[in-house]
Amino acid sequence: MRTLIFTVMALVVIGLANWAYSENYATQSTLREVDDLNEEIGRAREQLSVLRAEWAYLNRPERLRNLVDLNFEVLGLMPLSASHFGDADKVSYPPLDMDDLVNPVDLSAQFDGFDAEVPE
């Protein structure tokens, strides 16, 4: 009987050691994946900052002004002035649905006023 208990315990210990060994390698593999993803995120952020800097460089007002001057005949771009904008009263808005404004709203509860005292 004692031999059977020792054998079962030895098999349980071997099984648990095997499980711990496999979990250790699975954890290491997952940590390597996380490190790879963090490096990829860092590269993407660096690339994004470079792209933002390039965008800011390409959208400099003096550069755009020179491009407009060079391509005036093709594009016909003119500087903005107040005469290019219309008046707000000339805008046609859709008609209002007056039913929503005129019909009363049903309340689900009655308001009886405040019971609390107002501090002075």
PDB file of N, CA and C in Angstrom:
ATOM      1  N   MET A   1       0.825  -1.195   0.000  1.00  0.00           N
ATOM      2  CA  MET A   1       0.000   0.000   0.000  1.00  0.00           C
ATOM      3  C   MET A   1       0.869   1.258   0.000  1.00  0.00           C
ATOM      4  N   ARG A   2       1.938   1.179   0.784  1.00  0.00           N
ATOM      5  CA  ARG A   2       2.826   2.313   0.870  1.00  0.00           C
ATOM      6  C   ARG A   2       3.515   2.567  -0.476  1.00  0.00           C
ATOM      7  N   THR A   3       3.876   1.533  -1.159  1.00  0.00           N
ATOM      8  CA  THR A   3       4.529   1.645  -2.458  1.00  0.00           C
ATOM      9  C   THR A   3       3.587   2.299  -3.473  1.00  0.00           C
ATOM     10  N   LEU A   4       2.328   1.963  -3.433  1.00  0.00           N
ATOM     11  CA  LEU A   4       1.341   2.556  -4.339  1.00  0.00           C
ATOM     12  C   LEU A   4       1.204   4.050  -4.082  1.00  0.00           C
ATOM     13  N   ILE A   5       1.164   4.465  -2.848  1.00  0.00           N
ATOM     14  CA  ILE A   5       1.038   5.896  -2.505  1.00  0.00           C
ATOM     15  C   ILE A   5       2.283   6.646  -2.960  1.00  0.00           C
ATOM     16  N   PHE A   6       3.475   6.055  -2.720  1.00  0.00           N
ATOM     17  CA  PHE A   6       4.706   6.703  -3.164  1.00  0.00           C
ATOM     18  C   PHE A   6       4.766   6.809  -4.687  1.00  0.00           C
ATOM     19  N   THR A   7       4.317   5.793  -5.375  1.00  0.00           N
ATOM     20  CA  THR A   7       4.317   5.805  -6.840  1.00  0.00           C
ATOM     21  C   THR A   7       3.355   6.868  -7.367  1.00  0.00           C
ATOM     22  N   VAL A   8       2.167   6.948  -6.786  1.00  0.00           N
ATOM     23  CA  VAL A   8       1.182   7.957  -7.201  1.00  0.00           C
ATOM     24  C   VAL A   8       1.714   9.358  -6.929  1.00  0.00           C
ATOM     25  N   MET A   9       2.327   9.537  -5.767  1.00  0.00           N
ATOM     26  CA  MET A   9       2.881  10.856  -5.435  1.00  0.00           C
ATOM     27  C   MET A   9       4.021  11.224  -6.390  1.00  0.00           C
ATOM     28  N   ALA A  10       4.851  10.258  -6.730  1.00  0.00           N
ATOM     29  CA  ALA A  10       5.948  10.519  -7.671  1.00  0.00           C
ATOM     30  C   ALA A  10       5.391  10.889  -9.038  1.00  0.00           C
ATOM     31  N   LEU A  11       4.348  10.224  -9.483  1.00  0.00           N
ATOM     32  CA  LEU A  11       3.722  10.553 -10.775  1.00  0.00           C
ATOM     33  C   LEU A  11       3.079  11.938 -10.733  1.00  0.00           C
ATOM     34  N   VAL A  12       2.463  12.296  -9.610  1.00  0.00           N
ATOM     35  CA  VAL A  12       1.864  13.631  -9.460  1.00  0.00           C
ATOM     36  C   VAL A  12       2.955  14.699  -9.513  1.00  0.00           C
ATOM     37  N   VAL A  13       4.073  14.463  -8.835  1.00  0.00           N
ATOM     38  CA  VAL A  13       5.171  15.433  -8.850  1.00  0.00           C
ATOM     39  C   VAL A  13       5.749  15.559 -10.257  1.00  0.00           C
ATOM     40  N   ILE A  14       5.916  14.442 -10.948  1.00  0.00           N
ATOM     41  CA  ILE A  14       6.431  14.486 -12.331  1.00  0.00           C
ATOM     42  C   ILE A  14       5.442  15.216 -13.232  1.00  0.00           C
ATOM     43  N   GLY A  15       4.161  14.961 -13.060  1.00  0.00           N
ATOM     44  CA  GLY A  15       3.147  15.656 -13.859  1.00  0.00           C
ATOM     45  C   GLY A  15       3.144  17.153 -13.600  1.00  0.00           C
ATOM     46  N   LEU A  16       3.230  17.547 -12.342  1.00  0.00           N
ATOM     47  CA  LEU A  16       3.265  18.973 -12.006  1.00  0.00           C
ATOM     48  C   LEU A  16       4.542  19.631 -12.519  1.00  0.00           C
ATOM     49  N   ALA A  17       5.657  18.924 -12.469  1.00  0.00           N
ATOM     50  CA  ALA A  17       6.911  19.467 -12.999  1.00  0.00           C
ATOM     51  C   ALA A  17       6.805  19.671 -14.511  1.00  0.00           C
ATOM     52  N   ASN A  18       6.203  18.722 -15.186  1.00  0.00           N
ATOM     53  CA  ASN A  18       6.004  18.852 -16.640  1.00  0.00           C
ATOM     54  C   ASN A  18       5.097  20.040 -16.948  1.00  0.00           C
ATOM     55  N   TRP A  19       4.018  20.201 -16.187  1.00  0.00           N
ATOM     56  CA  TRP A  19       3.106  21.330 -16.399  1.00  0.00           C
ATOM     57  C   TRP A  19       3.821  22.657 -16.151  1.00  0.00           C
ATOM     58  N   ALA A  20       4.599  22.754 -15.051  1.00  0.00           N
ATOM     59  CA  ALA A  20       5.327  23.984 -14.742  1.00  0.00           C
ATOM     60  C   ALA A  20       6.357  24.287 -15.820  1.00  0.00           C
ATOM     61  N   TYR A  21       7.024  23.259 -16.339  1.00  0.00           N
ATOM     62  CA  TYR A  21       8.005  23.433 -17.407  1.00  0.00           C
ATOM     63  C   TYR A  21       7.340  23.996 -18.663  1.00  0.00           C
ATOM     64  N   SER A  22       6.211  23.429 -19.053  1.00  0.00           N
ATOM     65  CA  SER A  22       5.520  23.913 -20.258  1.00  0.00           C
ATOM     66  C   SER A  22       4.963  25.320 -20.045  1.00  0.00           C
ATOM     67  N   GLU A  23       4.466  25.631 -18.858  1.00  0.00           N
ATOM     68  CA  GLU A  23       3.964  26.980 -18.577  1.00  0.00           C
ATOM     69  C   GLU A  23       5.099  28.000 -18.607  1.00  0.00           C
ATOM     70  N   ASN A  24       6.274  27.598 -18.137  1.00  0.00           N
ATOM     71  CA  ASN A  24       7.426  28.491 -18.160  1.00  0.00           C
ATOM     72  C   ASN A  24       7.786  28.856 -19.600  1.00  0.00           C
ATOM     73  N   TYR A  25       7.825  27.866 -20.498  1.00  0.00           N
ATOM     74  CA  TYR A  25       8.160  28.158 -21.884  1.00  0.00           C
ATOM     75  C   TYR A  25       7.056  28.943 -22.588  1.00  0.00           C
ATOM     76  N   ALA A  26       5.807  28.690 -22.249  1.00  0.00           N
ATOM     77  CA  ALA A  26       4.710  29.474 -22.828  1.00  0.00           C
ATOM     78  C   ALA A  26       4.792  30.923 -22.372  1.00  0.00           C
ATOM     79  N   THR A  27       5.143  31.143 -21.100  1.00  0.00           N
ATOM     80  CA  THR A  27       5.285  32.506 -20.581  1.00  0.00           C
ATOM     81  C   THR A  27       6.438  33.225 -21.247  1.00  0.00           C
ATOM     82  N   GLN A  28       7.562  32.554 -21.413  1.00  0.00           N
ATOM     83  CA  GLN A  28       8.707  33.173 -22.091  1.00  0.00           C
ATOM     84  C   GLN A  28       8.379  33.527 -23.530  1.00  0.00           C
ATOM     85  N   SER A  29       7.642  32.652 -24.204  1.00  0.00           N
ATOM     86  CA  SER A  29       7.243  32.931 -25.585  1.00  0.00           C
ATOM     87  C   SER A  29       6.329  34.144 -25.650  1.00  0.00           C
ATOM     88  N   THR A  30       5.388  34.234 -24.727  1.00  0.00           N
ATOM     89  CA  THR A  30       4.474  35.379 -24.693  1.00  0.00           C
ATOM     90  C   THR A  30       5.226  36.670 -24.379  1.00  0.00           C
ATOM     91  N   LEU A  31       6.195  36.606 -23.464  1.00  0.00           N
ATOM     92  CA  LEU A  31       6.981  37.802 -23.146  1.00  0.00           C
ATOM     93  C   LEU A  31       7.804  38.257 -24.346  1.00  0.00           C
ATOM     94  N   ARG A  32       8.342  37.309 -25.136  1.00  0.00           N
ATOM     95  CA  ARG A  32       9.054  37.690 -26.358  1.00  0.00           C
ATOM     96  C   ARG A  32       8.113  38.371 -27.349  1.00  0.00           C
ATOM     97  N   GLU A  33       6.882  37.860 -27.470  1.00  0.00           N
ATOM     98  CA  GLU A  33       5.899  38.487 -28.365  1.00  0.00           C
ATOM     99  C   GLU A  33       5.573  39.905 -27.903  1.00  0.00           C
ATOM    100  N   VAL A  34       5.425  40.092 -26.602  1.00  0.00           N
ATOM    101  CA  VAL A  34       5.129  41.421 -26.060  1.00  0.00           C
ATOM    102  C   VAL A  34       6.281  42.371 -26.354  1.00  0.00           C
ATOM    103  N   ASP A  35       7.531  41.901 -26.161  1.00  0.00           N
ATOM    104  CA  ASP A  35       8.684  42.739 -26.475  1.00  0.00           C
ATOM    105  C   ASP A  35       8.724  43.109 -27.949  1.00  0.00           C
ATOM    106  N   ASP A  36       8.422  42.145 -28.824  1.00  0.00           N
ATOM    107  CA  ASP A  36       8.391  42.434 -30.265  1.00  0.00           C
ATOM    108  C   ASP A  36       7.320  43.468 -30.593  1.00  0.00           C
ATOM    109  N   LEU A  37       6.150  43.329 -29.972  1.00  0.00           N
ATOM    110  CA  LEU A  37       5.078  44.297 -30.215  1.00  0.00           C
ATOM    111  C   LEU A  37       5.449  45.680 -29.702  1.00  0.00           C
ATOM    112  N   ASN A  38       6.102  45.751 -28.547  1.00  0.00           N
ATOM    113  CA  ASN A  38       6.531  47.052 -28.023  1.00  0.00           C
ATOM    114  C   ASN A  38       7.554  47.703 -28.945  1.00  0.00           C
ATOM    115  N   GLU A  39       8.469  46.909 -29.504  1.00  0.00           N
ATOM    116  CA  GLU A  39       9.428  47.462 -30.460  1.00  0.00           C
ATOM    117  C   GLU A  39       8.721  47.958 -31.714  1.00  0.00           C
ATOM    118  N   GLU A  40       7.732  47.206 -32.182  1.00  0.00           N
ATOM    119  CA  GLU A  40       6.976  47.615 -33.367  1.00  0.00           C
ATOM    120  C   GLU A  40       6.199  48.903 -33.099  1.00  0.00           C
ATOM    121  N   ILE A  41       5.627  49.028 -31.909  1.00  0.00           N
ATOM    122  CA  ILE A  41       4.914  50.255 -31.536  1.00  0.00           C
ATOM    123  C   ILE A  41       5.880  51.428 -31.497  1.00  0.00           C
ATOM    124  N   GLY A  42       7.084  51.206 -30.947  1.00  0.00           N
ATOM    125  CA  GLY A  42       8.088  52.273 -30.910  1.00  0.00           C
ATOM    126  C   GLY A  42       8.502  52.715 -32.303  1.00  0.00           C
ATOM    127  N   ARG A  43       8.698  51.750 -33.209  1.00  0.00           N
ATOM    128  CA  ARG A  43       9.046  52.111 -34.595  1.00  0.00           C
ATOM    129  C   ARG A  43       7.909  52.869 -35.260  1.00  0.00           C
ATOM    130  N   ALA A  44       6.664  52.452 -35.011  1.00  0.00           N
ATOM    131  CA  ALA A  44       5.516  53.139 -35.618  1.00  0.00           C
ATOM    132  C   ALA A  44       5.387  54.559 -35.084  1.00  0.00           C
ATOM    133  N   ARG A  45       5.634  54.754 -33.787  1.00  0.00           N
ATOM    134  CA  ARG A  45       5.564  56.106 -33.221  1.00  0.00           C
ATOM    135  C   ARG A  45       6.667  56.988 -33.785  1.00  0.00           C
ATOM    136  N   GLU A  46       7.857  56.414 -33.943  1.00  0.00           N
ATOM    137  CA  GLU A  46       8.962  57.187 -34.520  1.00  0.00           C
ATOM    138  C   GLU A  46       8.644  57.573 -35.962  1.00  0.00           C
ATOM    139  N   GLN A  47       8.100  56.625 -36.723  1.00  0.00           N
ATOM    140  CA  GLN A  47       7.729  56.917 -38.104  1.00  0.00           C
ATOM    141  C   GLN A  47       6.622  57.967 -38.159  1.00  0.00           C
ATOM    142  N   LEU A  48       5.675  57.897 -37.238  1.00  0.00           N
ATOM    143  CA  LEU A  48       4.602  58.885 -37.197  1.00  0.00           C
ATOM    144  C   LEU A  48       5.148  60.277 -36.898  1.00  0.00           C
ATOM    145  N   SER A  49       6.098  60.373 -35.982  1.00  0.00           N
ATOM    146  CA  SER A  49       6.672  61.690 -35.680  1.00  0.00           C
ATOM    147  C   SER A  49       7.442  62.230 -36.879  1.00  0.00           C
ATOM    148  N   VAL A  50       8.128  61.358 -37.623  1.00  0.00           N
ATOM    149  CA  VAL A  50       8.829  61.801 -38.831  1.00  0.00           C
ATOM    150  C   VAL A  50       7.821  62.277 -39.878  1.00  0.00           C
ATOM    151  N   LEU A  51       6.742  61.540 -40.041  1.00  0.00           N
ATOM    152  CA  LEU A  51       5.717  61.937 -41.020  1.00  0.00           C
ATOM    153  C   LEU A  51       5.064  63.263 -40.635  1.00  0.00           C
ATOM    154  N   ARG A  52       4.826  63.471 -39.343  1.00  0.00           N
ATOM    155  CA  ARG A  52       4.255  64.750 -38.906  1.00  0.00           C
ATOM    156  C   ARG A  52       5.220  65.898 -39.173  1.00  0.00           C
ATOM    157  N   ALA A  53       6.509  65.657 -38.946  1.00  0.00           N
ATOM    158  CA  ALA A  53       7.499  66.699 -39.217  1.00  0.00           C
ATOM    159  C   ALA A  53       7.568  67.000 -40.712  1.00  0.00           C
ATOM    160  N   GLU A  54       7.520  65.964 -41.547  1.00  0.00           N
ATOM    161  CA  GLU A  54       7.514  66.187 -42.997  1.00  0.00           C
ATOM    162  C   GLU A  54       6.267  66.946 -43.438  1.00  0.00           C
ATOM    163  N   TRP A  55       5.124  66.591 -42.851  1.00  0.00           N
ATOM    164  CA  TRP A  55       3.873  67.280 -43.197  1.00  0.00           C
ATOM    165  C   TRP A  55       3.954  68.763 -42.824  1.00  0.00           C
ATOM    166  N   ALA A  56       4.484  69.035 -41.639  1.00  0.00           N
ATOM    167  CA  ALA A  56       4.632  70.429 -41.223  1.00  0.00           C
ATOM    168  C   ALA A  56       5.606  71.164 -42.141  1.00  0.00           C
ATOM    169  N   TYR A  57       6.662  70.488 -42.559  1.00  0.00           N
ATOM    170  CA  TYR A  57       7.645  71.113 -43.449  1.00  0.00           C
ATOM    171  C   TYR A  57       7.012  71.407 -44.818  1.00  0.00           C
ATOM    172  N   LEU A  58       6.238  70.464 -45.330  1.00  0.00           N
ATOM    173  CA  LEU A  58       5.633  70.659 -46.649  1.00  0.00           C
ATOM    174  C   LEU A  58       4.499  71.674 -46.630  1.00  0.00           C
ATOM    175  N   ASN A  59       3.885  71.918 -45.488  1.00  0.00           N
ATOM    176  CA  ASN A  59       2.765  72.856 -45.406  1.00  0.00           C
ATOM    177  C   ASN A  59       3.174  74.227 -44.882  1.00  0.00           C
ATOM    178  N   ARG A  60       4.438  74.581 -45.005  1.00  0.00           N
ATOM    179  CA  ARG A  60       4.876  75.920 -44.617  1.00  0.00           C
ATOM    180  C   ARG A  60       4.169  76.949 -45.508  1.00  0.00           C
ATOM    181  N   PRO A  61       3.655  78.029 -44.942  1.00  0.00           N
ATOM    182  CA  PRO A  61       2.925  79.021 -45.743  1.00  0.00           C
ATOM    183  C   PRO A  61       3.765  79.612 -46.874  1.00  0.00           C
ATOM    184  N   GLU A  62       5.052  79.890 -46.633  1.00  0.00           N
ATOM    185  CA  GLU A  62       5.864  80.493 -47.697  1.00  0.00           C
ATOM    186  C   GLU A  62       6.072  79.504 -48.843  1.00  0.00           C
ATOM    187  N   ARG A  63       6.199  78.198 -48.542  1.00  0.00           N
ATOM    188  CA  ARG A  63       6.344  77.199 -49.601  1.00  0.00           C
ATOM    189  C   ARG A  63       5.061  77.093 -50.409  1.00  0.00           C
ATOM    190  N   LEU A  64       3.919  77.064 -49.717  1.00  0.00           N
ATOM    191  CA  LEU A  64       2.634  76.978 -50.420  1.00  0.00           C
ATOM    192  C   LEU A  64       2.385  78.220 -51.265  1.00  0.00           C
ATOM    193  N   ARG A  65       2.786  79.383 -50.750  1.00  0.00           N
ATOM    194  CA  ARG A  65       2.633  80.624 -51.498  1.00  0.00           C
ATOM    195  C   ARG A  65       3.462  80.575 -52.789  1.00  0.00           C
ATOM    196  N   ASN A  66       4.686  80.050 -52.692  1.00  0.00           N
ATOM    197  CA  ASN A  66       5.524  79.919 -53.885  1.00  0.00           C
ATOM    198  C   ASN A  66       4.934  78.942 -54.886  1.00  0.00           C
ATOM    199  N   LEU A  67       4.362  77.847 -54.401  1.00  0.00           N
ATOM    200  CA  LEU A  67       3.729  76.886 -55.292  1.00  0.00           C
ATOM    201  C   LEU A  67       2.518  77.486 -55.992  1.00  0.00           C
ATOM    202  N   VAL A  68       1.761  78.280 -55.268  1.00  0.00           N
ATOM    203  CA  VAL A  68       0.595  78.934 -55.879  1.00  0.00           C
ATOM    204  C   VAL A  68       1.053  79.913 -56.951  1.00  0.00           C
ATOM    205  N   ASP A  69       2.121  80.656 -56.669  1.00  0.00           N
ATOM    206  CA  ASP A  69       2.633  81.602 -57.665  1.00  0.00           C
ATOM    207  C   ASP A  69       3.152  80.877 -58.901  1.00  0.00           C
ATOM    208  N   LEU A  70       3.829  79.748 -58.707  1.00  0.00           N
ATOM    209  CA  LEU A  70       4.367  79.001 -59.847  1.00  0.00           C
ATOM    210  C   LEU A  70       3.269  78.379 -60.703  1.00  0.00           C
ATOM    211  N   ASN A  71       2.188  77.962 -60.084  1.00  0.00           N
ATOM    212  CA  ASN A  71       1.116  77.255 -60.790  1.00  0.00           C
ATOM    213  C   ASN A  71      -0.154  78.094 -60.906  1.00  0.00           C
ATOM    214  N   PHE A  72      -0.010  79.412 -60.949  1.00  0.00           N
ATOM    215  CA  PHE A  72      -1.200  80.276 -60.981  1.00  0.00           C
ATOM    216  C   PHE A  72      -2.021  80.053 -62.241  1.00  0.00           C
ATOM    217  N   GLU A  73      -1.378  79.900 -63.371  1.00  0.00           N
ATOM    218  CA  GLU A  73      -2.119  79.736 -64.627  1.00  0.00           C
ATOM    219  C   GLU A  73      -2.905  78.422 -64.642  1.00  0.00           C
ATOM    220  N   VAL A  74      -2.340  77.378 -64.048  1.00  0.00           N
ATOM    221  CA  VAL A  74      -3.002  76.073 -64.055  1.00  0.00           C
ATOM    222  C   VAL A  74      -4.120  76.012 -63.010  1.00  0.00           C
ATOM    223  N   LEU A  75      -3.835  76.484 -61.794  1.00  0.00           N
ATOM    224  CA  LEU A  75      -4.786  76.338 -60.692  1.00  0.00           C
ATOM    225  C   LEU A  75      -5.747  77.507 -60.559  1.00  0.00           C
ATOM    226  N   GLY A  76      -5.269  78.710 -60.834  1.00  0.00           N
ATOM    227  CA  GLY A  76      -6.114  79.893 -60.691  1.00  0.00           C
ATOM    228  C   GLY A  76      -6.477  80.192 -59.250  1.00  0.00           C
ATOM    229  N   LEU A  77      -5.602  79.885 -58.303  1.00  0.00           N
ATOM    230  CA  LEU A  77      -5.890  80.124 -56.887  1.00  0.00           C
ATOM    231  C   LEU A  77      -5.673  81.591 -56.547  1.00  0.00           C
ATOM    232  N   MET A  78      -6.576  82.142 -55.755  1.00  0.00           N
ATOM    233  CA  MET A  78      -6.488  83.532 -55.333  1.00  0.00           C
ATOM    234  C   MET A  78      -6.480  83.572 -53.806  1.00  0.00           C
ATOM    235  N   PRO A  79      -5.885  84.593 -53.199  1.00  0.00           N
ATOM    236  CA  PRO A  79      -5.932  84.703 -51.738  1.00  0.00           C
ATOM    237  C   PRO A  79      -7.361  84.956 -51.259  1.00  0.00           C
ATOM    238  N   LEU A  80      -7.669  84.464 -50.074  1.00  0.00           N
ATOM    239  CA  LEU A  80      -9.003  84.664 -49.509  1.00  0.00           C
ATOM    240  C   LEU A  80      -9.188  86.107 -49.060  1.00  0.00           C
ATOM    241  N   SER A  81     -10.380  86.604 -49.274  1.00  0.00           N
ATOM    242  CA  SER A  81     -10.727  87.931 -48.777  1.00  0.00           C
ATOM    243  C   SER A  81     -12.158  87.877 -48.252  1.00  0.00           C
ATOM    244  N   ALA A  82     -12.591  88.947 -47.629  1.00  0.00           N
ATOM    245  CA  ALA A  82     -13.934  88.995 -47.045  1.00  0.00           C
ATOM    246  C   ALA A  82     -15.015  88.908 -48.110  1.00  0.00           C
ATOM    247  N   SER A  83     -14.713  89.294 -49.325  1.00  0.00           N
ATOM    248  CA  SER A  83     -15.729  89.258 -50.382  1.00  0.00           C
ATOM    249  C   SER A  83     -16.028  87.830 -50.844  1.00  0.00           C
ATOM    250  N   HIS A  84     -15.184  86.868 -50.486  1.00  0.00           N
ATOM    251  CA  HIS A  84     -15.421  85.483 -50.877  1.00  0.00           C
ATOM    252  C   HIS A  84     -16.459  84.791 -50.000  1.00  0.00           C
ATOM    253  N   PHE A  85     -16.858  85.406 -48.903  1.00  0.00           N
ATOM    254  CA  PHE A  85     -17.817  84.809 -47.987  1.00  0.00           C
ATOM    255  C   PHE A  85     -19.169  85.476 -48.155  1.00  0.00           C
ATOM    256  N   GLY A  86     -20.250  84.692 -47.965  1.00  0.00           N
ATOM    257  CA  GLY A  86     -21.598  85.226 -48.094  1.00  0.00           C
ATOM    258  C   GLY A  86     -22.162  85.641 -46.747  1.00  0.00           C
ATOM    259  N   ASP A  87     -23.362  86.203 -46.781  1.00  0.00           N
ATOM    260  CA  ASP A  87     -24.054  86.596 -45.558  1.00  0.00           C
ATOM    261  C   ASP A  87     -24.866  85.417 -45.029  1.00  0.00           C
ATOM    262  N   ALA A  88     -25.001  85.359 -43.716  1.00  0.00           N
ATOM    263  CA  ALA A  88     -25.737  84.256 -43.088  1.00  0.00           C
ATOM    264  C   ALA A  88     -27.222  84.308 -43.438  1.00  0.00           C
ATOM    265  N   ASP A  89     -27.770  85.488 -43.681  1.00  0.00           N
ATOM    266  CA  ASP A  89     -29.202  85.572 -43.994  1.00  0.00           C
ATOM    267  C   ASP A  89     -29.508  85.095 -45.410  1.00  0.00           C
ATOM    268  N   LYS A  90     -28.507  84.879 -46.243  1.00  0.00           N
ATOM    269  CA  LYS A  90     -28.728  84.363 -47.592  1.00  0.00           C
ATOM    270  C   LYS A  90     -28.710  82.840 -47.653  1.00  0.00           C
ATOM    271  N   VAL A  91     -28.422  82.200 -46.530  1.00  0.00           N
ATOM    272  CA  VAL A  91     -28.377  80.745 -46.483  1.00  0.00           C
ATOM    273  C   VAL A  91     -29.797  80.223 -46.335  1.00  0.00           C
ATOM    274  N   SER A  92     -30.158  79.238 -47.152  1.00  0.00           N
ATOM    275  CA  SER A  92     -31.506  78.670 -47.055  1.00  0.00           C
ATOM    276  C   SER A  92     -31.463  77.477 -46.112  1.00  0.00           C
ATOM    277  N   TYR A  93     -32.165  77.600 -45.003  1.00  0.00           N
ATOM    278  CA  TYR A  93     -32.227  76.539 -44.019  1.00  0.00           C
ATOM    279  C   TYR A  93     -33.492  75.716 -44.256  1.00  0.00           C
ATOM    280  N   PRO A  94     -33.507  74.442 -43.866  1.00  0.00           N
ATOM    281  CA  PRO A  94     -34.729  73.646 -44.018  1.00  0.00           C
ATOM    282  C   PRO A  94     -35.813  74.170 -43.076  1.00  0.00           C
ATOM    283  N   PRO A  95     -37.075  74.023 -43.465  1.00  0.00           N
ATOM    284  CA  PRO A  95     -38.158  74.527 -42.608  1.00  0.00           C
ATOM    285  C   PRO A  95     -38.210  73.752 -41.289  1.00  0.00           C
ATOM    286  N   LEU A  96     -38.589  74.460 -40.220  1.00  0.00           N
ATOM    287  CA  LEU A  96     -38.700  73.846 -38.902  1.00  0.00           C
ATOM    288  C   LEU A  96     -39.983  73.038 -38.814  1.00  0.00           C
ATOM    289  N   ASP A  97     -39.919  71.913 -38.129  1.00  0.00           N
ATOM    290  CA  ASP A  97     -41.096  71.101 -37.870  1.00  0.00           C
ATOM    291  C   ASP A  97     -41.730  71.634 -36.580  1.00  0.00           C
ATOM    292  N   MET A  98     -42.795  72.425 -36.710  1.00  0.00           N
ATOM    293  CA  MET A  98     -43.392  73.110 -35.571  1.00  0.00           C
ATOM    294  C   MET A  98     -44.180  72.157 -34.668  1.00  0.00           C
ATOM    295  N   ASP A  99     -44.487  70.939 -35.135  1.00  0.00           N
ATOM    296  CA  ASP A  99     -45.229  69.995 -34.290  1.00  0.00           C
ATOM    297  C   ASP A  99     -44.428  69.641 -33.042  1.00  0.00           C
ATOM    298  N   ASP A 100     -43.120  69.511 -33.190  1.00  0.00           N
ATOM    299  CA  ASP A 100     -42.298  69.180 -32.025  1.00  0.00           C
ATOM    300  C   ASP A 100     -42.267  70.323 -31.030  1.00  0.00           C
ATOM    301  N   LEU A 101     -42.398  71.549 -31.501  1.00  0.00           N
ATOM    302  CA  LEU A 101     -42.329  72.691 -30.612  1.00  0.00           C
ATOM    303  C   LEU A 101     -43.667  73.020 -29.971  1.00  0.00           C
ATOM    304  N   VAL A 102     -44.776  72.659 -30.616  1.00  0.00           N
ATOM    305  CA  VAL A 102     -46.094  73.043 -30.143  1.00  0.00           C
ATOM    306  C   VAL A 102     -46.717  71.969 -29.253  1.00  0.00           C
ATOM    307  N   ASN A 103     -46.568  70.696 -29.596  1.00  0.00           N
ATOM    308  CA  ASN A 103     -47.215  69.617 -28.844  1.00  0.00           C
ATOM    309  C   ASN A 103     -46.554  69.452 -27.475  1.00  0.00           C
ATOM    310  N   PRO A 104     -47.373  69.241 -26.418  1.00  0.00           N
ATOM    311  CA  PRO A 104     -46.807  69.069 -25.079  1.00  0.00           C
ATOM    312  C   PRO A 104     -46.103  67.718 -24.960  1.00  0.00           C
ATOM    313  N   VAL A 105     -45.244  67.638 -23.985  1.00  0.00           N
ATOM    314  CA  VAL A 105     -44.495  66.409 -23.718  1.00  0.00           C
ATOM    315  C   VAL A 105     -45.134  65.724 -22.522  1.00  0.00           C
ATOM    316  N   ASP A 106     -45.366  64.422 -22.631  1.00  0.00           N
ATOM    317  CA  ASP A 106     -45.915  63.660 -21.516  1.00  0.00           C
ATOM    318  C   ASP A 106     -44.831  63.433 -20.472  1.00  0.00           C
ATOM    319  N   LEU A 107     -45.193  63.665 -19.202  1.00  0.00           N
ATOM    320  CA  LEU A 107     -44.254  63.445 -18.115  1.00  0.00           C
ATOM    321  C   LEU A 107     -44.546  62.109 -17.459  1.00  0.00           C
ATOM    322  N   SER A 108     -43.499  61.465 -17.000  1.00  0.00           N
ATOM    323  CA  SER A 108     -43.686  60.178 -16.340  1.00  0.00           C
ATOM    324  C   SER A 108     -43.850  60.329 -14.832  1.00  0.00           C
ATOM    325  N   ALA A 109     -43.608  61.507 -14.302  1.00  0.00           N
ATOM    326  CA  ALA A 109     -43.749  61.724 -12.861  1.00  0.00           C
ATOM    327  C   ALA A 109     -44.202  63.164 -12.635  1.00  0.00           C
ATOM    328  N   GLN A 110     -44.780  63.412 -11.500  1.00  0.00           N
ATOM    329  CA  GLN A 110     -45.209  64.753 -11.158  1.00  0.00           C
ATOM    330  C   GLN A 110     -44.155  65.409 -10.285  1.00  0.00           C
ATOM    331  N   PHE A 111     -43.960  66.679 -10.451  1.00  0.00           N
ATOM    332  CA  PHE A 111     -43.011  67.437  -9.644  1.00  0.00           C
ATOM    333  C   PHE A 111     -43.797  68.204  -8.603  1.00  0.00           C
ATOM    334  N   ASP A 112     -43.536  67.930  -7.327  1.00  0.00           N
ATOM    335  CA  ASP A 112     -44.274  68.568  -6.245  1.00  0.00           C
ATOM    336  C   ASP A 112     -43.490  69.694  -5.596  1.00  0.00           C
ATOM    337  N   GLY A 113     -42.350  70.002  -6.084  1.00  0.00           N
ATOM    338  CA  GLY A 113     -41.544  71.059  -5.502  1.00  0.00           C
ATOM    339  C   GLY A 113     -40.450  70.491  -4.628  1.00  0.00           C
ATOM    340  N   PHE A 114     -39.660  71.379  -4.075  1.00  0.00           N
ATOM    341  CA  PHE A 114     -38.544  70.961  -3.233  1.00  0.00           C
ATOM    342  C   PHE A 114     -39.014  70.851  -1.783  1.00  0.00           C
ATOM    343  N   ASP A 115     -38.562  69.805  -1.099  1.00  0.00           N
ATOM    344  CA  ASP A 115     -38.834  69.652   0.335  1.00  0.00           C
ATOM    345  C   ASP A 115     -37.656  70.109   1.161  1.00  0.00           C
ATOM    346  N   ALA A 116     -36.494  70.201   0.566  1.00  0.00           N
ATOM    347  CA  ALA A 116     -35.299  70.582   1.315  1.00  0.00           C
ATOM    348  C   ALA A 116     -35.283  72.092   1.541  1.00  0.00           C
ATOM    349  N   GLU A 117     -34.652  72.489   2.632  1.00  0.00           N
ATOM    350  CA  GLU A 117     -34.541  73.911   2.926  1.00  0.00           C
ATOM    351  C   GLU A 117     -33.378  74.493   2.138  1.00  0.00           C
ATOM    352  N   VAL A 118     -33.570  75.688   1.644  1.00  0.00           N
ATOM    353  CA  VAL A 118     -32.528  76.379   0.900  1.00  0.00           C
ATOM    354  C   VAL A 118     -31.690  77.170   1.868  1.00  0.00           C
ATOM    355  N   PRO A 119     -30.356  76.979   1.885  1.00  0.00           N
ATOM    356  CA  PRO A 119     -29.516  77.775   2.813  1.00  0.00           C
ATOM    357  C   PRO A 119     -29.510  79.227   2.404  1.00  0.00           C
ATOM    358  N   GLU A 120     -29.434  80.085   3.402  1.00  0.00           N
ATOM    359  CA  GLU A 120     -29.484  81.526   3.139  1.00  0.00           C
ATOM    360  C   GLU A 120     -28.114  82.111   3.061  1.00  0.00           C
TER     361      GLU A 120
END
